[in-house]
Amino acid sequence: MRRFLQFIIPIIIILLSAKVAHKIATGAKKPPRQLKPKPVIVVDAMTAIRTDFQVTVKAQGVVQPHTKSTLVAEVSGVVTSVSPNLKVGSFFENGAELMRIDTRDFEIGVEKARSRVSEAILNLAQEKVRTENFSAVIKSAENNVQQSKLKLEEELASTEQARTDWQKLGAGRTAGTLVLRKPQLAAAQAALDAAKAEMEVRQRELTLIGPLIDAAEASVRAAEADLSKAKLDLARCSVKAPYDGRIVTKRVDIGQYVAPGTILAEIYSVEVAEVRLPLANSQIAFIDLPETFASQIESRTNPFPRVILMGAAGSEIHKWEGKIMRSESEIDSASRQHFVIAQVEDPYLKAGTTGAPLKVGLFVHAEIYGKTLENIVLVPITSIRDGKTIWLINENRQLEEQAIQIIWKDETSAAVKGGIKDGDRLCTTALTFAKEGMFVEIAGDGTPEADISEKAEAIRE
């Protein structure tokens, strides 16, 4: 009996405890159910305003000189002097003497050339005098011919008169040669022939005088050309700057012998700096490129596109203003990009915004001012979905999907032509899982989240 009680009592206690627990669990009142407010997404928004907008195309490049040259020696000799400006990094002005080569040999050459010119001029004068003398000789020969002709005519008349007189007085006898003056007639004829021969000789000699004078004149020109060359070589002993510029490298110094073609220095112009800027095909349409012939540049009605260059010098960002002056003739076959050339005049005199010069080799970012787009809405690039739609927020603060027409965009914004009206509220927050009809709260709009939730719940019911 005792064992039975020890076994049954624990079972009874367990059953009673289970019953009490069940009664407590089933008899307790349920707490009131609380509805969790549905979450509302907070977004940024903007009001659409149609306006005119000037496109700015961005590019980047490296500053280069407009003109870069290598100075070479044109004559041989020893360098006798070097300008203090002929140092790496130094500036120089157009026409300044940078270096001088020994001039003594070339001064002697000039004097010799002058002597040859004088000799050639004297020879020409002598030939001209000979021409004048030959003219007088020919004139004299012509007079001799005329006189010989007159003498012959007189002898012919005398011979005829003698024949007539003999016929009257000769009583039928044969007249002798002396009576008929035949020796005198033959002498007159011979004198005429000699005068003609003399004139022909003088005329032939005169034909040779012309080429002799031409040769003498050519000798004068050749001597004068040699003198000019000698003077030019003497002038080339002074190596002068061809423009305002700066020294890149210096190759020679005082006492060094140089020959024609020896590199003396490398320089570049500081009058104009250039930047070669790459542009994509989509950017070209928004820039009025100067694709004109040289003869049409002066008659160009549109101004050259303005460009702002930005570069870091030290810890500051500097800006320089220039113009797009030309585009390259070919499209790059590898990158398929167009290259345009920006120019900044007087990059060292007209310094940047903080007084820094635009130095060659500086890497710069460029903003090219292009065409003006009319009656567009400018929207942030983050608000565009799939490149063709945006979210509009209606008066109930619900999202509505709207297709748009993008006519231009860059990394931060886009110009939209159609699909948006003035006053539309545009969601500018990038929403990954949004759907049409979703309720949103506009940040900074002054409406508490609870009010938005209650309004959203009422609309759903």
Protein backbone atom coordinates (compact mmCIF):
# COMPACT_ATOMS: atom_id res chain seq x y z
CA MET A 1 0.00 0.00 0.00
CA ARG A 2 2.80 2.31 0.86
CA ARG A 3 4.48 1.65 -2.50
CA PHE A 4 1.24 2.35 -4.27
CA LEU A 5 0.90 5.76 -2.61
CA GLN A 6 4.47 6.70 -3.47
CA PHE A 7 3.73 5.99 -7.12
CA ILE A 8 0.27 7.55 -7.49
CA ILE A 9 0.74 10.79 -5.51
CA PRO A 10 3.29 12.34 -7.95
CA ILE A 11 1.03 11.50 -10.88
CA ILE A 12 -1.90 13.25 -9.19
CA ILE A 13 0.23 16.31 -8.47
CA ILE A 14 1.37 16.51 -12.12
CA LEU A 15 -2.21 16.21 -13.39
CA LEU A 16 -3.45 18.90 -11.02
CA SER A 17 -0.60 21.26 -12.03
CA ALA A 18 -1.36 20.74 -15.73
CA LYS A 19 -5.02 21.47 -15.16
CA VAL A 20 -4.26 24.66 -13.22
CA ALA A 21 -1.85 25.82 -15.94
CA HIS A 22 -4.39 25.15 -18.68
CA LYS A 23 -7.03 27.08 -16.78
CA ILE A 24 -4.71 30.02 -16.31
CA ALA A 25 -3.67 29.99 -19.97
CA THR A 26 -7.19 29.75 -21.34
CA GLY A 27 -8.74 32.15 -18.89
CA ALA A 28 -6.32 35.14 -19.43
CA LYS A 29 -7.54 38.11 -21.54
CA LYS A 30 -5.70 38.84 -24.84
CA PRO A 31 -3.92 42.24 -25.00
CA PRO A 32 -5.24 44.72 -27.60
CA ARG A 33 -3.67 44.34 -31.09
CA GLN A 34 -1.53 47.29 -32.27
CA LEU A 35 -1.05 47.96 -35.97
CA LYS A 36 2.47 48.84 -37.01
CA PRO A 37 2.62 51.95 -39.25
CA LYS A 38 3.65 51.10 -42.74
CA PRO A 39 7.07 52.62 -43.55
CA VAL A 40 7.20 55.65 -45.86
CA ILE A 41 10.35 56.38 -47.94
CA VAL A 42 11.82 59.86 -47.56
CA VAL A 43 13.08 61.26 -50.86
CA ASP A 44 14.51 64.46 -52.26
CA ALA A 45 12.50 66.29 -54.88
CA MET A 46 12.74 69.28 -57.20
CA THR A 47 10.24 71.38 -59.09
CA ALA A 48 10.61 71.25 -62.86
CA ILE A 49 11.33 74.60 -64.49
CA ARG A 50 11.86 74.95 -68.22
CA THR A 51 14.74 77.21 -69.18
CA ASP A 52 17.56 77.79 -71.65
CA PHE A 53 20.83 76.05 -70.84
CA GLN A 54 24.31 76.39 -72.34
CA VAL A 55 26.02 73.05 -72.63
CA THR A 56 29.48 72.65 -71.15
CA VAL A 57 31.52 69.77 -72.51
CA LYS A 58 34.25 68.40 -70.27
CA ALA A 59 37.62 67.10 -71.42
CA GLN A 60 41.20 66.94 -70.23
CA GLY A 61 44.64 67.24 -71.71
CA VAL A 62 48.23 68.41 -71.29
CA VAL A 63 49.48 71.93 -72.01
CA GLN A 64 51.79 72.12 -75.02
CA PRO A 65 53.60 75.01 -76.71
CA HIS A 66 52.09 76.35 -79.92
CA THR A 67 55.58 76.55 -81.46
CA LYS A 68 58.61 74.49 -80.49
CA SER A 69 61.96 74.82 -82.25
CA THR A 70 65.49 73.50 -82.29
CA LEU A 71 68.18 76.15 -82.76
CA VAL A 72 71.02 74.88 -84.96
CA ALA A 73 74.24 76.46 -86.15
CA GLU A 74 74.18 77.63 -89.78
CA VAL A 75 77.90 78.40 -89.97
CA SER A 76 81.01 76.86 -88.49
CA GLY A 77 83.26 78.40 -85.87
CA VAL A 78 84.03 78.76 -82.20
CA VAL A 79 81.35 80.08 -79.84
CA THR A 80 82.70 83.39 -78.50
CA SER A 81 79.79 84.59 -76.34
CA VAL A 82 76.61 83.24 -74.76
CA SER A 83 73.68 85.34 -73.52
CA PRO A 84 72.75 85.17 -69.81
CA ASN A 85 69.26 84.24 -71.03
CA LEU A 86 70.59 81.06 -72.63
CA LYS A 87 69.90 78.94 -69.57
CA VAL A 88 67.38 76.19 -69.02
CA GLY A 89 64.10 77.80 -67.97
CA SER A 90 65.13 81.36 -68.88
CA PHE A 91 62.88 83.61 -70.95
CA PHE A 92 63.97 85.62 -73.97
CA GLU A 93 62.46 88.19 -76.31
CA ASN A 94 62.03 88.06 -80.05
CA GLY A 95 65.23 89.18 -81.80
CA ALA A 96 67.47 88.89 -78.73
CA GLU A 97 70.98 87.54 -79.38
CA LEU A 98 71.38 84.22 -77.60
CA MET A 99 74.83 83.22 -78.86
CA ARG A 100 77.67 84.51 -81.07
CA ILE A 101 80.13 82.54 -83.22
CA ASP A 102 83.59 83.88 -84.15
CA THR A 103 83.04 86.40 -86.97
CA ARG A 104 86.60 87.08 -88.20
CA ASP A 105 86.66 84.58 -91.06
CA PHE A 106 83.28 85.79 -92.26
CA GLU A 107 84.30 89.47 -92.09
CA ILE A 108 87.25 88.62 -94.36
CA GLY A 109 84.87 86.79 -96.67
CA VAL A 110 82.69 89.89 -96.91
CA GLU A 111 85.66 92.07 -97.89
CA LYS A 112 86.75 89.58 -100.55
CA ALA A 113 83.25 89.46 -101.94
CA ARG A 114 83.14 93.26 -102.09
CA SER A 115 86.42 93.22 -104.05
CA ARG A 116 84.99 90.76 -106.56
CA VAL A 117 81.93 92.95 -106.99
CA SER A 118 84.16 95.96 -107.78
CA GLU A 119 86.14 93.95 -110.33
CA ALA A 120 82.99 92.71 -111.99
CA ILE A 121 81.56 96.23 -112.18
CA LEU A 122 84.82 97.51 -113.74
CA ASN A 123 84.78 94.70 -116.32
CA LEU A 124 81.20 95.53 -117.20
CA ALA A 125 82.10 99.21 -117.66
CA GLN A 126 85.00 98.27 -119.94
CA GLU A 127 82.76 96.10 -122.07
CA LYS A 128 80.29 98.94 -122.39
CA VAL A 129 83.11 101.29 -123.48
CA ARG A 130 84.20 98.72 -126.07
CA THR A 131 80.64 98.59 -127.34
CA GLU A 132 80.58 102.35 -127.74
CA ASN A 133 83.96 102.24 -129.54
CA PHE A 134 82.75 99.51 -131.87
CA SER A 135 79.72 101.58 -132.68
CA ALA A 136 82.01 104.45 -133.72
CA VAL A 137 84.16 102.07 -135.80
CA ILE A 138 81.10 100.71 -137.58
CA LYS A 139 79.91 104.21 -138.24
CA SER A 140 83.30 105.04 -139.74
CA ALA A 141 83.19 101.86 -141.87
CA GLU A 142 79.73 102.82 -143.13
CA ASN A 143 81.08 106.27 -144.09
CA ASN A 144 83.99 104.64 -145.95
CA VAL A 145 81.55 102.50 -147.87
CA GLN A 146 79.50 105.56 -148.82
CA GLN A 147 82.62 107.47 -149.87
CA SER A 148 83.87 104.49 -151.88
CA LYS A 149 80.54 104.26 -153.63
CA LEU A 150 80.70 107.96 -154.45
CA LYS A 151 84.30 107.60 -155.72
CA LEU A 152 83.28 104.65 -157.91
CA GLU A 153 80.39 106.59 -159.38
CA GLU A 154 82.74 109.48 -160.15
CA GLU A 155 85.18 107.11 -161.87
CA LEU A 156 82.35 105.57 -163.89
CA ALA A 157 81.31 109.05 -165.03
CA SER A 158 84.93 109.97 -165.90
CA THR A 159 85.40 106.71 -167.83
CA GLU A 160 82.27 107.34 -169.82
CA GLN A 161 83.35 110.90 -170.58
CA ALA A 162 86.81 109.69 -171.69
CA ARG A 163 85.24 107.12 -174.05
CA THR A 164 83.02 109.82 -175.56
CA ASP A 165 85.96 112.21 -176.01
CA TRP A 166 88.10 109.51 -177.64
CA GLN A 167 85.39 108.65 -180.08
CA LYS A 168 85.43 112.30 -181.20
CA LEU A 169 89.18 112.83 -181.27
CA GLY A 170 90.67 109.35 -181.74
CA ALA A 171 90.15 109.22 -185.52
CA GLY A 172 89.04 105.62 -185.30
CA ARG A 173 92.01 104.39 -183.30
CA THR A 174 91.61 102.03 -180.32
CA ALA A 175 91.71 103.83 -176.99
CA GLY A 176 94.19 102.64 -174.39
CA THR A 177 93.33 101.59 -170.85
CA LEU A 178 94.75 104.77 -169.44
CA VAL A 179 92.72 106.85 -171.85
CA LEU A 180 89.55 105.10 -170.75
CA ARG A 181 90.63 105.37 -167.05
CA LYS A 182 90.16 101.66 -166.48
CA PRO A 183 92.89 101.44 -163.76
CA GLN A 184 91.21 104.24 -161.82
CA LEU A 185 87.82 102.53 -162.16
CA ALA A 186 89.25 99.22 -160.93
CA ALA A 187 90.91 101.00 -157.98
CA ALA A 188 87.61 102.69 -157.03
CA GLN A 189 85.78 99.33 -157.22
CA ALA A 190 88.46 97.69 -155.08
CA ALA A 191 88.24 100.49 -152.53
CA LEU A 192 84.44 99.98 -152.31
CA ASP A 193 84.81 96.23 -151.87
CA ALA A 194 87.41 96.77 -149.14
CA ALA A 195 85.16 99.25 -147.32
CA LYS A 196 82.24 96.77 -147.44
CA ALA A 197 84.44 93.95 -146.16
CA GLU A 198 85.68 96.17 -143.33
CA MET A 199 82.09 97.04 -142.35
CA GLU A 200 81.04 93.36 -142.33
CA VAL A 201 84.00 92.50 -140.07
CA ARG A 202 83.08 95.27 -137.66
CA GLN A 203 79.43 94.20 -137.62
CA ARG A 204 80.40 90.60 -136.87
CA GLU A 205 82.60 91.81 -134.03
CA LEU A 206 79.70 93.88 -132.70
CA THR A 207 77.52 90.76 -132.51
CA LEU A 208 80.05 89.32 -130.08
CA ILE A 209 79.94 92.40 -127.86
CA GLY A 210 76.35 91.69 -126.75
CA PRO A 211 77.14 88.30 -125.15
CA LEU A 212 80.29 89.81 -123.65
CA ILE A 213 78.22 92.48 -121.95
CA ASP A 214 75.67 89.86 -120.82
CA ALA A 215 78.52 87.82 -119.37
CA ALA A 216 79.92 90.89 -117.63
CA GLU A 217 76.50 91.72 -116.17
CA ALA A 218 76.10 88.10 -115.03
CA SER A 219 79.51 88.33 -113.36
CA VAL A 220 78.34 91.43 -111.50
CA ARG A 221 75.18 89.66 -110.33
CA ALA A 222 77.17 86.59 -109.25
CA ALA A 223 79.64 88.76 -107.35
CA GLU A 224 76.80 90.63 -105.65
CA ALA A 225 75.16 87.31 -104.75
CA ASP A 226 78.44 86.13 -103.24
CA LEU A 227 78.59 89.37 -101.26
CA SER A 228 75.04 88.83 -100.01
CA LYS A 229 75.90 85.25 -99.04
CA ALA A 230 79.04 86.44 -97.22
CA LYS A 231 77.00 89.06 -95.36
CA LEU A 232 74.36 86.46 -94.53
CA ASP A 233 76.98 84.08 -93.16
CA LEU A 234 78.37 86.94 -91.09
CA ALA A 235 74.88 87.69 -89.76
CA ARG A 236 74.38 84.00 -88.96
CA CYS A 237 77.27 84.21 -86.54
CA SER A 238 74.76 85.94 -84.27
CA VAL A 239 72.14 83.37 -83.18
CA LYS A 240 68.97 85.35 -82.45
CA ALA A 241 65.63 84.36 -80.94
CA PRO A 242 62.90 83.87 -83.58
CA TYR A 243 60.09 84.75 -81.10
CA ASP A 244 59.35 85.40 -77.45
CA GLY A 245 60.10 82.13 -75.76
CA ARG A 246 61.76 80.01 -73.13
CA ILE A 247 64.80 77.73 -73.08
CA VAL A 248 64.14 73.99 -72.76
CA THR A 249 67.66 72.63 -73.17
CA LYS A 250 71.11 74.14 -73.79
CA ARG A 251 73.64 72.09 -75.78
CA VAL A 252 76.77 74.29 -76.27
CA ASP A 253 78.82 76.86 -74.38
CA ILE A 254 81.68 79.34 -74.86
CA GLY A 255 84.78 77.93 -76.57
CA GLN A 256 83.00 75.02 -78.22
CA TYR A 257 83.47 74.55 -81.96
CA VAL A 258 80.25 74.12 -83.90
CA ALA A 259 79.55 73.13 -87.49
CA PRO A 260 76.49 73.73 -89.65
CA GLY A 261 73.67 71.59 -88.25
CA THR A 262 75.03 71.43 -84.68
CA ILE A 263 72.13 71.65 -82.19
CA LEU A 264 72.60 74.71 -79.98
CA ALA A 265 69.41 74.75 -77.88
CA GLU A 266 65.77 73.70 -77.78
CA ILE A 267 63.18 76.44 -77.24
CA TYR A 268 59.43 77.02 -77.34
CA SER A 269 57.21 80.06 -77.78
CA VAL A 270 55.43 81.64 -74.81
CA GLU A 271 53.11 83.70 -76.98
CA VAL A 272 50.44 81.00 -77.20
CA ALA A 273 49.86 77.76 -75.26
CA GLU A 274 47.79 74.89 -76.61
CA VAL A 275 45.90 71.95 -75.13
CA ARG A 276 44.86 68.95 -77.24
CA LEU A 277 41.44 67.89 -75.96
CA PRO A 278 39.72 64.59 -76.88
CA LEU A 279 35.96 64.65 -77.49
CA ALA A 280 33.54 61.79 -77.99
CA ASN A 281 31.32 61.73 -81.04
CA SER A 282 28.28 62.51 -78.86
CA GLN A 283 29.95 65.69 -77.58
CA ILE A 284 30.86 67.09 -80.99
CA ALA A 285 27.21 67.84 -81.84
CA PHE A 286 27.00 70.40 -79.03
CA ILE A 287 30.08 72.46 -80.03
CA ASP A 288 30.35 74.87 -82.94
CA LEU A 289 33.75 73.70 -84.13
CA PRO A 290 35.84 76.03 -86.32
CA GLU A 291 35.77 73.73 -89.35
CA THR A 292 36.49 76.47 -91.90
CA PHE A 293 39.12 77.33 -94.47
CA ALA A 294 41.72 79.89 -93.48
CA SER A 295 40.15 82.42 -95.86
CA GLN A 296 36.80 82.05 -94.05
CA ILE A 297 38.06 82.59 -90.51
CA GLU A 298 37.83 86.39 -90.71
CA SER A 299 34.25 86.19 -92.04
CA ARG A 300 33.19 83.69 -89.34
CA THR A 301 30.02 85.00 -87.66
CA ASN A 302 29.97 82.69 -84.65
CA PRO A 303 32.64 83.31 -82.01
CA PHE A 304 35.18 80.61 -81.33
CA PRO A 305 33.98 78.35 -78.48
CA ARG A 306 35.10 79.57 -75.07
CA VAL A 307 36.99 77.16 -72.83
CA ILE A 308 38.01 77.29 -69.17
CA LEU A 309 41.11 75.30 -68.21
CA MET A 310 41.59 74.19 -64.61
CA GLY A 311 44.80 72.80 -63.17
CA ALA A 312 46.52 72.33 -59.84
CA ALA A 313 49.65 74.32 -59.06
CA GLY A 314 50.76 73.52 -55.57
CA SER A 315 47.77 73.27 -53.24
CA GLU A 316 45.50 75.56 -55.25
CA ILE A 317 43.34 75.11 -58.34
CA HIS A 318 43.92 77.75 -61.01
CA LYS A 319 41.78 78.69 -63.99
CA TRP A 320 42.70 80.06 -67.41
CA GLU A 321 40.38 81.20 -70.18
CA GLY A 322 40.98 80.38 -73.82
CA LYS A 323 39.28 79.49 -77.09
CA ILE A 324 38.86 76.41 -79.27
CA MET A 325 40.71 77.59 -82.38
CA ARG A 326 40.71 74.48 -84.56
CA SER A 327 40.04 70.77 -84.75
CA GLU A 328 42.36 68.10 -86.07
CA SER A 329 41.84 66.81 -89.59
CA GLU A 330 41.36 63.14 -88.69
CA ILE A 331 39.46 61.08 -86.15
CA ASP A 332 41.72 58.90 -84.04
CA SER A 333 41.46 55.40 -85.50
CA ALA A 334 42.09 53.67 -82.15
CA SER A 335 39.84 55.62 -79.76
CA ARG A 336 37.38 57.00 -82.37
CA GLN A 337 37.67 60.38 -80.71
CA HIS A 338 37.85 63.85 -82.18
CA PHE A 339 40.63 66.15 -81.00
CA VAL A 340 40.20 69.90 -80.76
CA ILE A 341 42.90 72.44 -79.95
CA ALA A 342 42.37 75.03 -77.22
CA GLN A 343 44.63 78.08 -77.24
CA VAL A 344 45.47 80.51 -74.45
CA GLU A 345 47.26 83.69 -75.48
CA ASP A 346 50.16 85.03 -73.38
CA PRO A 347 49.98 82.13 -70.88
CA TYR A 348 52.78 83.68 -68.80
CA LEU A 349 51.69 87.33 -68.95
CA LYS A 350 47.95 86.70 -68.58
CA ALA A 351 48.18 84.40 -65.60
CA GLY A 352 45.35 82.37 -64.11
CA THR A 353 42.83 83.38 -61.46
CA THR A 354 45.44 83.38 -58.71
CA GLY A 355 48.33 84.70 -60.77
CA ALA A 356 49.85 81.38 -61.77
CA PRO A 357 51.18 80.95 -65.33
CA LEU A 358 49.92 78.19 -67.60
CA LYS A 359 53.07 76.11 -67.82
CA VAL A 360 53.89 73.60 -70.52
CA GLY A 361 53.35 70.03 -69.34
CA LEU A 362 50.58 70.89 -66.84
CA PHE A 363 47.65 68.46 -66.80
CA VAL A 364 44.39 70.41 -66.99
CA HIS A 365 40.66 69.78 -67.00
CA ALA A 366 38.69 71.72 -69.58
CA GLU A 367 35.11 72.97 -69.73
CA ILE A 368 34.11 73.92 -73.26
CA TYR A 369 31.09 76.20 -73.58
CA GLY A 370 28.95 74.81 -76.36
CA LYS A 371 25.53 75.44 -77.87
CA THR A 372 22.52 76.75 -75.92
CA LEU A 373 19.62 74.31 -75.51
CA GLU A 374 16.26 76.08 -75.44
CA ASN A 375 13.17 75.19 -73.37
CA ILE A 376 14.62 72.24 -71.48
CA VAL A 377 14.48 70.93 -67.90
CA LEU A 378 17.81 70.21 -66.24
CA VAL A 379 17.57 67.16 -63.93
CA PRO A 380 20.13 65.26 -61.82
CA ILE A 381 21.50 62.17 -63.52
CA THR A 382 20.61 60.09 -60.42
CA SER A 383 16.90 60.66 -61.03
CA ILE A 384 16.89 58.88 -64.39
CA ARG A 385 15.86 55.22 -64.46
CA ASP A 386 17.11 52.88 -67.20
CA GLY A 387 18.18 55.90 -69.21
CA LYS A 388 14.63 56.75 -70.31
CA THR A 389 12.18 57.25 -67.37
CA ILE A 390 11.91 59.23 -64.14
CA TRP A 391 9.69 59.23 -61.04
CA LEU A 392 7.22 62.09 -60.69
CA ILE A 393 5.46 62.76 -57.34
CA ASN A 394 1.75 63.56 -57.72
CA GLU A 395 -0.42 65.64 -55.39
CA ASN A 396 -1.06 62.53 -53.23
CA ARG A 397 2.70 62.04 -52.90
CA GLN A 398 2.62 58.88 -54.90
CA LEU A 399 5.25 57.90 -57.45
CA GLU A 400 4.31 58.01 -61.12
CA GLU A 401 6.62 56.70 -63.83
CA GLN A 402 7.17 59.10 -66.73
CA ALA A 403 9.04 58.54 -70.01
CA ILE A 404 11.39 61.35 -71.01
CA GLN A 405 13.46 62.48 -73.98
CA ILE A 406 17.10 63.15 -73.06
CA ILE A 407 18.95 65.39 -75.51
CA TRP A 408 22.16 65.91 -73.51
CA LYS A 409 23.76 64.58 -70.34
CA ASP A 410 27.04 64.44 -68.46
CA GLU A 411 28.20 62.80 -65.24
CA THR A 412 25.94 64.89 -62.98
CA SER A 413 22.92 66.14 -64.92
CA ALA A 414 20.80 65.74 -68.04
CA ALA A 415 18.79 68.07 -70.25
CA VAL A 416 15.25 66.74 -70.82
CA LYS A 417 13.16 68.00 -73.73
CA GLY A 418 9.85 66.14 -73.36
CA GLY A 419 7.86 64.28 -70.69
CA ILE A 420 8.07 66.95 -67.96
CA LYS A 421 5.90 70.06 -67.54
CA ASP A 422 6.60 73.22 -65.61
CA GLY A 423 5.73 72.69 -61.95
CA ASP A 424 6.04 68.88 -61.95
CA ARG A 425 7.67 67.51 -58.82
CA LEU A 426 10.51 65.22 -59.73
CA CYS A 427 11.96 62.61 -57.38
CA THR A 428 15.72 63.12 -57.40
CA THR A 429 16.61 60.22 -55.08
CA ALA A 430 17.75 57.03 -56.77
CA LEU A 431 15.18 54.36 -55.77
CA THR A 432 16.18 50.77 -56.40
CA PHE A 433 12.97 48.87 -55.47
CA ALA A 434 10.35 51.57 -55.98
CA LYS A 435 7.11 50.90 -57.83
CA GLU A 436 4.40 53.09 -59.28
CA GLY A 437 1.86 54.25 -56.69
CA MET A 438 4.30 54.02 -53.76
CA PHE A 439 3.84 56.75 -51.14
CA VAL A 440 6.84 58.88 -50.35
CA GLU A 441 7.68 61.75 -48.08
CA ILE A 442 9.55 64.70 -49.50
CA ALA A 443 12.50 65.64 -47.30
CA GLY A 444 12.12 69.06 -45.71
CA ASP A 445 8.45 69.36 -46.78
CA GLY A 446 7.17 69.88 -43.20
CA THR A 447 4.73 66.92 -43.07
CA PRO A 448 5.26 64.36 -40.20
CA GLU A 449 5.62 60.73 -41.10
CA ALA A 450 2.51 59.80 -39.00
CA ASP A 451 0.30 62.11 -41.01
CA ILE A 452 1.63 60.64 -44.22
CA SER A 453 1.03 57.10 -42.90
CA GLU A 454 -2.55 57.86 -41.85
CA LYS A 455 -3.28 59.48 -45.19
CA ALA A 456 -1.81 56.54 -47.03
CA GLU A 457 -3.84 54.07 -44.92
CA ALA A 458 -7.05 56.01 -45.54
CA ILE A 459 -6.48 55.99 -49.27
CA ARG A 460 -5.85 52.24 -49.22
CA GLU A 461 -9.12 51.56 -47.27
